[in-house]
């Protein structure tokens, strides 16, 4: 039996000060670690979590990559 759990997407975004950031959205059925794994892939030099939100249909984290 196959189970559809969702996917992750990444969008360019900005923090409150106007600095570049990434908004990573994950399916609500996925573990929060999936969002963090995507952040690690997008930010190979590391990242700082700016915000985390979990809703009924999705969860998201906003991060700023280090070393950009």
PDB file of N, CA and C in Angstrom:
ATOM      1  N   UNK A   1       0.840  -1.173   0.000  1.00  0.00           N
ATOM      2  CA  UNK A   1       0.000   0.000   0.000  1.00  0.00           C
ATOM      3  C   UNK A   1       0.889   1.241   0.000  1.00  0.00           C
ATOM      4  N   UNK A   2       0.653   2.152  -0.916  1.00  0.00           N
ATOM      5  CA  UNK A   2       1.430   3.395  -1.004  1.00  0.00           C
ATOM      6  C   UNK A   2       0.769   4.466  -0.148  1.00  0.00           C
ATOM      7  N   UNK A   3       1.599   5.308   0.423  1.00  0.00           N
ATOM      8  CA  UNK A   3       1.102   6.388   1.270  1.00  0.00           C
ATOM      9  C   UNK A   3       1.671   7.697   0.752  1.00  0.00           C
ATOM     10  N   UNK A   4       0.818   8.621   0.388  1.00  0.00           N
ATOM     11  CA  UNK A   4       1.270   9.933  -0.070  1.00  0.00           C
ATOM     12  C   UNK A   4       1.502  10.810   1.152  1.00  0.00           C
ATOM     13  N   UNK A   5       2.737  11.247   1.337  1.00  0.00           N
ATOM     14  CA  UNK A   5       3.052  12.021   2.531  1.00  0.00           C
ATOM     15  C   UNK A   5       3.378  13.472   2.230  1.00  0.00           C
ATOM     16  N   UNK A   6       3.453  13.861   1.009  1.00  0.00           N
ATOM     17  CA  UNK A   6       3.757  15.252   0.696  1.00  0.00           C
ATOM     18  C   UNK A   6       5.178  15.417   0.213  1.00  0.00           C
ATOM     19  N   UNK A   7       5.576  16.651   0.021  1.00  0.00           N
ATOM     20  CA  UNK A   7       6.906  16.935  -0.477  1.00  0.00           C
ATOM     21  C   UNK A   7       7.395  18.237   0.145  1.00  0.00           C
ATOM     22  N   UNK A   8       8.599  18.642  -0.229  1.00  0.00           N
ATOM     23  CA  UNK A   8       9.127  19.907   0.255  1.00  0.00           C
ATOM     24  C   UNK A   8       9.318  20.857  -0.918  1.00  0.00           C
ATOM     25  N   UNK A   9       9.114  22.126  -0.669  1.00  0.00           N
ATOM     26  CA  UNK A   9       9.378  23.159  -1.667  1.00  0.00           C
ATOM     27  C   UNK A   9      10.149  24.282  -0.983  1.00  0.00           C
ATOM     28  N   UNK A  10      10.926  24.982  -1.786  1.00  0.00           N
ATOM     29  CA  UNK A  10      11.722  26.089  -1.266  1.00  0.00           C
ATOM     30  C   UNK A  10      11.424  27.343  -2.071  1.00  0.00           C
ATOM     31  N   UNK A  11      11.224  28.447  -1.371  1.00  0.00           N
ATOM     32  CA  UNK A  11      10.954  29.734  -2.007  1.00  0.00           C
ATOM     33  C   UNK A  11      11.909  30.780  -1.446  1.00  0.00           C
ATOM     34  N   UNK A  12      12.340  31.692  -2.295  1.00  0.00           N
ATOM     35  CA  UNK A  12      13.129  32.812  -1.793  1.00  0.00           C
ATOM     36  C   UNK A  12      12.219  33.700  -0.968  1.00  0.00           C
ATOM     37  N   UNK A  13      12.756  34.237   0.109  1.00  0.00           N
ATOM     38  CA  UNK A  13      11.976  35.056   1.019  1.00  0.00           C
ATOM     39  C   UNK A  13      12.916  36.088   1.639  1.00  0.00           C
ATOM     40  N   UNK A  14      12.406  36.835   2.611  1.00  0.00           N
ATOM     41  CA  UNK A  14      13.203  37.844   3.315  1.00  0.00           C
ATOM     42  C   UNK A  14      12.853  37.816   4.787  1.00  0.00           C
ATOM     43  N   UNK A  15      13.833  38.161   5.608  1.00  0.00           N
ATOM     44  CA  UNK A  15      13.549  38.257   7.035  1.00  0.00           C
ATOM     45  C   UNK A  15      12.982  39.640   7.349  1.00  0.00           C
ATOM     46  N   UNK A  16      12.747  39.927   8.613  1.00  0.00           N
ATOM     47  CA  UNK A  16      12.128  41.194   9.019  1.00  0.00           C
ATOM     48  C   UNK A  16      12.984  42.409   8.681  1.00  0.00           C
ATOM     49  N   UNK A  17      14.299  42.210   8.536  1.00  0.00           N
ATOM     50  CA  UNK A  17      15.208  43.311   8.219  1.00  0.00           C
ATOM     51  C   UNK A  17      15.462  43.449   6.718  1.00  0.00           C
ATOM     52  N   UNK A  18      14.822  42.603   5.909  1.00  0.00           N
ATOM     53  CA  UNK A  18      14.992  42.672   4.462  1.00  0.00           C
ATOM     54  C   UNK A  18      16.138  41.841   3.918  1.00  0.00           C
ATOM     55  N   UNK A  19      16.763  41.019   4.769  1.00  0.00           N
ATOM     56  CA  UNK A  19      17.839  40.145   4.322  1.00  0.00           C
ATOM     57  C   UNK A  19      17.265  38.903   3.640  1.00  0.00           C
ATOM     58  N   UNK A  20      18.022  38.358   2.689  1.00  0.00           N
ATOM     59  CA  UNK A  20      17.574  37.159   1.986  1.00  0.00           C
ATOM     60  C   UNK A  20      17.396  35.992   2.946  1.00  0.00           C
ATOM     61  N   UNK A  21      16.368  35.206   2.703  1.00  0.00           N
ATOM     62  CA  UNK A  21      16.080  34.020   3.500  1.00  0.00           C
ATOM     63  C   UNK A  21      15.428  32.995   2.576  1.00  0.00           C
ATOM     64  N   UNK A  22      15.228  31.795   3.087  1.00  0.00           N
ATOM     65  CA  UNK A  22      14.527  30.748   2.355  1.00  0.00           C
ATOM     66  C   UNK A  22      13.332  30.287   3.177  1.00  0.00           C
ATOM     67  N   UNK A  23      12.207  30.119   2.515  1.00  0.00           N
ATOM     68  CA  UNK A  23      11.017  29.559   3.140  1.00  0.00           C
ATOM     69  C   UNK A  23      10.882  28.139   2.625  1.00  0.00           C
ATOM     70  N   UNK A  24      10.971  27.174   3.513  1.00  0.00           N
ATOM     71  CA  UNK A  24      10.897  25.760   3.145  1.00  0.00           C
ATOM     72  C   UNK A  24       9.584  25.211   3.667  1.00  0.00           C
ATOM     73  N   UNK A  25       8.750  24.717   2.745  1.00  0.00           N
ATOM     74  CA  UNK A  25       7.443  24.164   3.097  1.00  0.00           C
ATOM     75  C   UNK A  25       7.490  22.653   2.958  1.00  0.00           C
ATOM     76  N   UNK A  26       6.922  21.972   3.937  1.00  0.00           N
ATOM     77  CA  UNK A  26       6.870  20.509   3.950  1.00  0.00           C
ATOM     78  C   UNK A  26       5.436  20.064   4.196  1.00  0.00           C
ATOM     79  N   UNK A  27       5.099  18.910   3.696  1.00  0.00           N
ATOM     80  CA  UNK A  27       3.782  18.349   3.952  1.00  0.00           C
ATOM     81  C   UNK A  27       3.574  18.118   5.437  1.00  0.00           C
ATOM     82  N   UNK A  28       2.360  18.290   5.897  1.00  0.00           N
ATOM     83  CA  UNK A  28       2.057  18.151   7.324  1.00  0.00           C
ATOM     84  C   UNK A  28       2.302  16.735   7.835  1.00  0.00           C
ATOM     85  N   UNK A  29       2.225  15.741   6.942  1.00  0.00           N
ATOM     86  CA  UNK A  29       2.418  14.355   7.364  1.00  0.00           C
ATOM     87  C   UNK A  29       3.894  14.002   7.535  1.00  0.00           C
ATOM     88  N   UNK A  30       4.787  14.889   7.115  1.00  0.00           N
ATOM     89  CA  UNK A  30       6.218  14.629   7.210  1.00  0.00           C
ATOM     90  C   UNK A  30       6.761  15.061   8.564  1.00  0.00           C
ATOM     91  N   UNK A  31       7.857  14.475   8.952  1.00  0.00           N
ATOM     92  CA  UNK A  31       8.549  14.882  10.165  1.00  0.00           C
ATOM     93  C   UNK A  31       9.171  16.256   9.948  1.00  0.00           C
ATOM     94  N   UNK A  32       9.265  17.044  11.010  1.00  0.00           N
ATOM     95  CA  UNK A  32       9.910  18.356  10.924  1.00  0.00           C
ATOM     96  C   UNK A  32      11.352  18.212  10.457  1.00  0.00           C
ATOM     97  N   UNK A  33      11.968  17.067  10.719  1.00  0.00           N
ATOM     98  CA  UNK A  33      13.356  16.854  10.312  1.00  0.00           C
ATOM     99  C   UNK A  33      13.508  16.870   8.790  1.00  0.00           C
ATOM    100  N   UNK A  34      12.442  16.570   8.056  1.00  0.00           N
ATOM    101  CA  UNK A  34      12.490  16.622   6.599  1.00  0.00           C
ATOM    102  C   UNK A  34      12.710  18.067   6.143  1.00  0.00           C
ATOM    103  N   UNK A  35      12.049  19.016   6.777  1.00  0.00           N
ATOM    104  CA  UNK A  35      12.265  20.429   6.467  1.00  0.00           C
ATOM    105  C   UNK A  35      13.713  20.813   6.759  1.00  0.00           C
ATOM    106  N   UNK A  36      14.236  20.338   7.878  1.00  0.00           N
ATOM    107  CA  UNK A  36      15.609  20.672   8.245  1.00  0.00           C
ATOM    108  C   UNK A  36      16.612  20.000   7.312  1.00  0.00           C
ATOM    109  N   UNK A  37      16.302  18.794   6.850  1.00  0.00           N
ATOM    110  CA  UNK A  37      17.173  18.136   5.867  1.00  0.00           C
ATOM    111  C   UNK A  37      17.220  18.950   4.578  1.00  0.00           C
ATOM    112  N   UNK A  38      16.087  19.495   4.164  1.00  0.00           N
ATOM    113  CA  UNK A  38      16.053  20.338   2.960  1.00  0.00           C
ATOM    114  C   UNK A  38      16.866  21.611   3.183  1.00  0.00           C
ATOM    115  N   UNK A  39      16.778  22.198   4.383  1.00  0.00           N
ATOM    116  CA  UNK A  39      17.558  23.397   4.693  1.00  0.00           C
ATOM    117  C   UNK A  39      19.053  23.085   4.624  1.00  0.00           C
ATOM    118  N   UNK A  40      19.455  21.923   5.125  1.00  0.00           N
ATOM    119  CA  UNK A  40      20.866  21.521   5.054  1.00  0.00           C
ATOM    120  C   UNK A  40      21.322  21.387   3.608  1.00  0.00           C
ATOM    121  N   UNK A  41      20.461  20.861   2.761  1.00  0.00           N
ATOM    122  CA  UNK A  41      20.800  20.701   1.343  1.00  0.00           C
ATOM    123  C   UNK A  41      20.900  22.055   0.644  1.00  0.00           C
ATOM    124  N   UNK A  42      20.026  22.987   0.998  1.00  0.00           N
ATOM    125  CA  UNK A  42      20.008  24.315   0.377  1.00  0.00           C
ATOM    126  C   UNK A  42      21.129  25.205   0.917  1.00  0.00           C
ATOM    127  N   UNK A  43      21.573  24.937   2.136  1.00  0.00           N
ATOM    128  CA  UNK A  43      22.567  25.781   2.813  1.00  0.00           C
ATOM    129  C   UNK A  43      23.747  24.911   3.276  1.00  0.00           C
ATOM    130  N   UNK A  44      24.634  24.525   2.358  1.00  0.00           N
ATOM    131  CA  UNK A  44      25.719  23.612   2.720  1.00  0.00           C
ATOM    132  C   UNK A  44      26.675  24.149   3.788  1.00  0.00           C
ATOM    133  N   UNK A  45      26.733  25.470   3.997  1.00  0.00           N
ATOM    134  CA  UNK A  45      27.607  26.047   5.023  1.00  0.00           C
ATOM    135  C   UNK A  45      26.877  26.241   6.343  1.00  0.00           C
ATOM    136  N   UNK A  46      25.644  25.765   6.420  1.00  0.00           N
ATOM    137  CA  UNK A  46      24.852  25.891   7.633  1.00  0.00           C
ATOM    138  C   UNK A  46      23.752  26.931   7.476  1.00  0.00           C
ATOM    139  N   UNK A  47      22.862  26.993   8.454  1.00  0.00           N
ATOM    140  CA  UNK A  47      21.736  27.916   8.398  1.00  0.00           C
ATOM    141  C   UNK A  47      21.277  28.273   9.797  1.00  0.00           C
ATOM    142  N   UNK A  48      20.565  29.391   9.871  1.00  0.00           N
ATOM    143  CA  UNK A  48      19.948  29.837  11.120  1.00  0.00           C
ATOM    144  C   UNK A  48      18.438  29.800  10.922  1.00  0.00           C
ATOM    145  N   UNK A  49      17.716  29.179  11.836  1.00  0.00           N
ATOM    146  CA  UNK A  49      16.257  29.123  11.766  1.00  0.00           C
ATOM    147  C   UNK A  49      15.699  30.462  12.234  1.00  0.00           C
ATOM    148  N   UNK A  50      14.912  31.101  11.382  1.00  0.00           N
ATOM    149  CA  UNK A  50      14.281  32.380  11.719  1.00  0.00           C
ATOM    150  C   UNK A  50      12.886  32.179  12.283  1.00  0.00           C
ATOM    151  N   UNK A  51      12.173  31.164  11.776  1.00  0.00           N
ATOM    152  CA  UNK A  51      10.834  30.862  12.292  1.00  0.00           C
ATOM    153  C   UNK A  51      10.438  29.450  11.891  1.00  0.00           C
ATOM    154  N   UNK A  52       9.514  28.879  12.651  1.00  0.00           N
ATOM    155  CA  UNK A  52       8.948  27.551  12.363  1.00  0.00           C
ATOM    156  C   UNK A  52       7.452  27.614  12.625  1.00  0.00           C
ATOM    157  N   UNK A  53       6.680  27.068  11.704  1.00  0.00           N
ATOM    158  CA  UNK A  53       5.230  27.024  11.863  1.00  0.00           C
ATOM    159  C   UNK A  53       4.715  25.662  11.410  1.00  0.00           C
ATOM    160  N   UNK A  54       3.743  25.165  12.128  1.00  0.00           N
ATOM    161  CA  UNK A  54       3.105  23.896  11.756  1.00  0.00           C
ATOM    162  C   UNK A  54       1.608  24.132  11.684  1.00  0.00           C
ATOM    163  N   UNK A  55       1.016  23.822  10.533  1.00  0.00           N
ATOM    164  CA  UNK A  55      -0.421  23.968  10.350  1.00  0.00           C
ATOM    165  C   UNK A  55      -1.062  22.630  10.050  1.00  0.00           C
ATOM    166  N   UNK A  56      -2.332  22.648   9.709  1.00  0.00           N
ATOM    167  CA  UNK A  56      -3.044  21.407   9.408  1.00  0.00           C
ATOM    168  C   UNK A  56      -2.578  20.765   8.108  1.00  0.00           C
ATOM    169  N   UNK A  57      -2.293  21.575   7.092  1.00  0.00           N
ATOM    170  CA  UNK A  57      -1.943  21.045   5.777  1.00  0.00           C
ATOM    171  C   UNK A  57      -0.464  21.104   5.456  1.00  0.00           C
ATOM    172  N   UNK A  58       0.293  21.894   6.187  1.00  0.00           N
ATOM    173  CA  UNK A  58       1.719  22.009   5.901  1.00  0.00           C
ATOM    174  C   UNK A  58       2.449  22.546   7.114  1.00  0.00           C
ATOM    175  N   UNK A  59       3.739  22.408   7.064  1.00  0.00           N
ATOM    176  CA  UNK A  59       4.613  23.015   8.052  1.00  0.00           C
ATOM    177  C   UNK A  59       5.693  23.757   7.274  1.00  0.00           C
ATOM    178  N   UNK A  60       6.259  24.753   7.892  1.00  0.00           N
ATOM    179  CA  UNK A  60       7.277  25.518   7.186  1.00  0.00           C
ATOM    180  C   UNK A  60       8.313  26.039   8.156  1.00  0.00           C
ATOM    181  N   UNK A  61       9.517  26.220   7.617  1.00  0.00           N
ATOM    182  CA  UNK A  61      10.567  26.885   8.364  1.00  0.00           C
ATOM    183  C   UNK A  61      11.163  27.963   7.471  1.00  0.00           C
ATOM    184  N   UNK A  62      11.522  29.075   8.071  1.00  0.00           N
ATOM    185  CA  UNK A  62      12.221  30.137   7.353  1.00  0.00           C
ATOM    186  C   UNK A  62      13.633  30.152   7.895  1.00  0.00           C
ATOM    187  N   UNK A  63      14.614  30.090   6.976  1.00  0.00           N
ATOM    188  CA  UNK A  63      16.004  30.034   7.383  1.00  0.00           C
ATOM    189  C   UNK A  63      16.833  31.049   6.623  1.00  0.00           C
ATOM    190  N   UNK A  64      17.970  31.406   7.209  1.00  0.00           N
ATOM    191  CA  UNK A  64      18.957  32.235   6.521  1.00  0.00           C
ATOM    192  C   UNK A  64      20.215  31.389   6.411  1.00  0.00           C
ATOM    193  N   UNK A  65      20.713  31.206   5.201  1.00  0.00           N
ATOM    194  CA  UNK A  65      21.929  30.437   4.981  1.00  0.00           C
ATOM    195  C   UNK A  65      23.141  31.205   5.497  1.00  0.00           C
ATOM    196  N   UNK A  66      24.072  30.497   6.069  1.00  0.00           N
ATOM    197  CA  UNK A  66      25.338  31.099   6.518  1.00  0.00           C
ATOM    198  C   UNK A  66      26.319  31.113   5.353  1.00  0.00           C
ATOM    199  N   UNK A  67      27.179  32.097   5.342  1.00  0.00           N
ATOM    200  CA  UNK A  67      28.231  32.143   4.337  1.00  0.00           C
ATOM    201  C   UNK A  67      27.810  32.623   2.970  1.00  0.00           C
ATOM    202  N   UNK A  68      26.690  33.331   2.868  1.00  0.00           N
ATOM    203  CA  UNK A  68      26.268  33.861   1.569  1.00  0.00           C
ATOM    204  C   UNK A  68      26.666  35.295   1.464  1.00  0.00           C
TER     205      UNK A  68
END
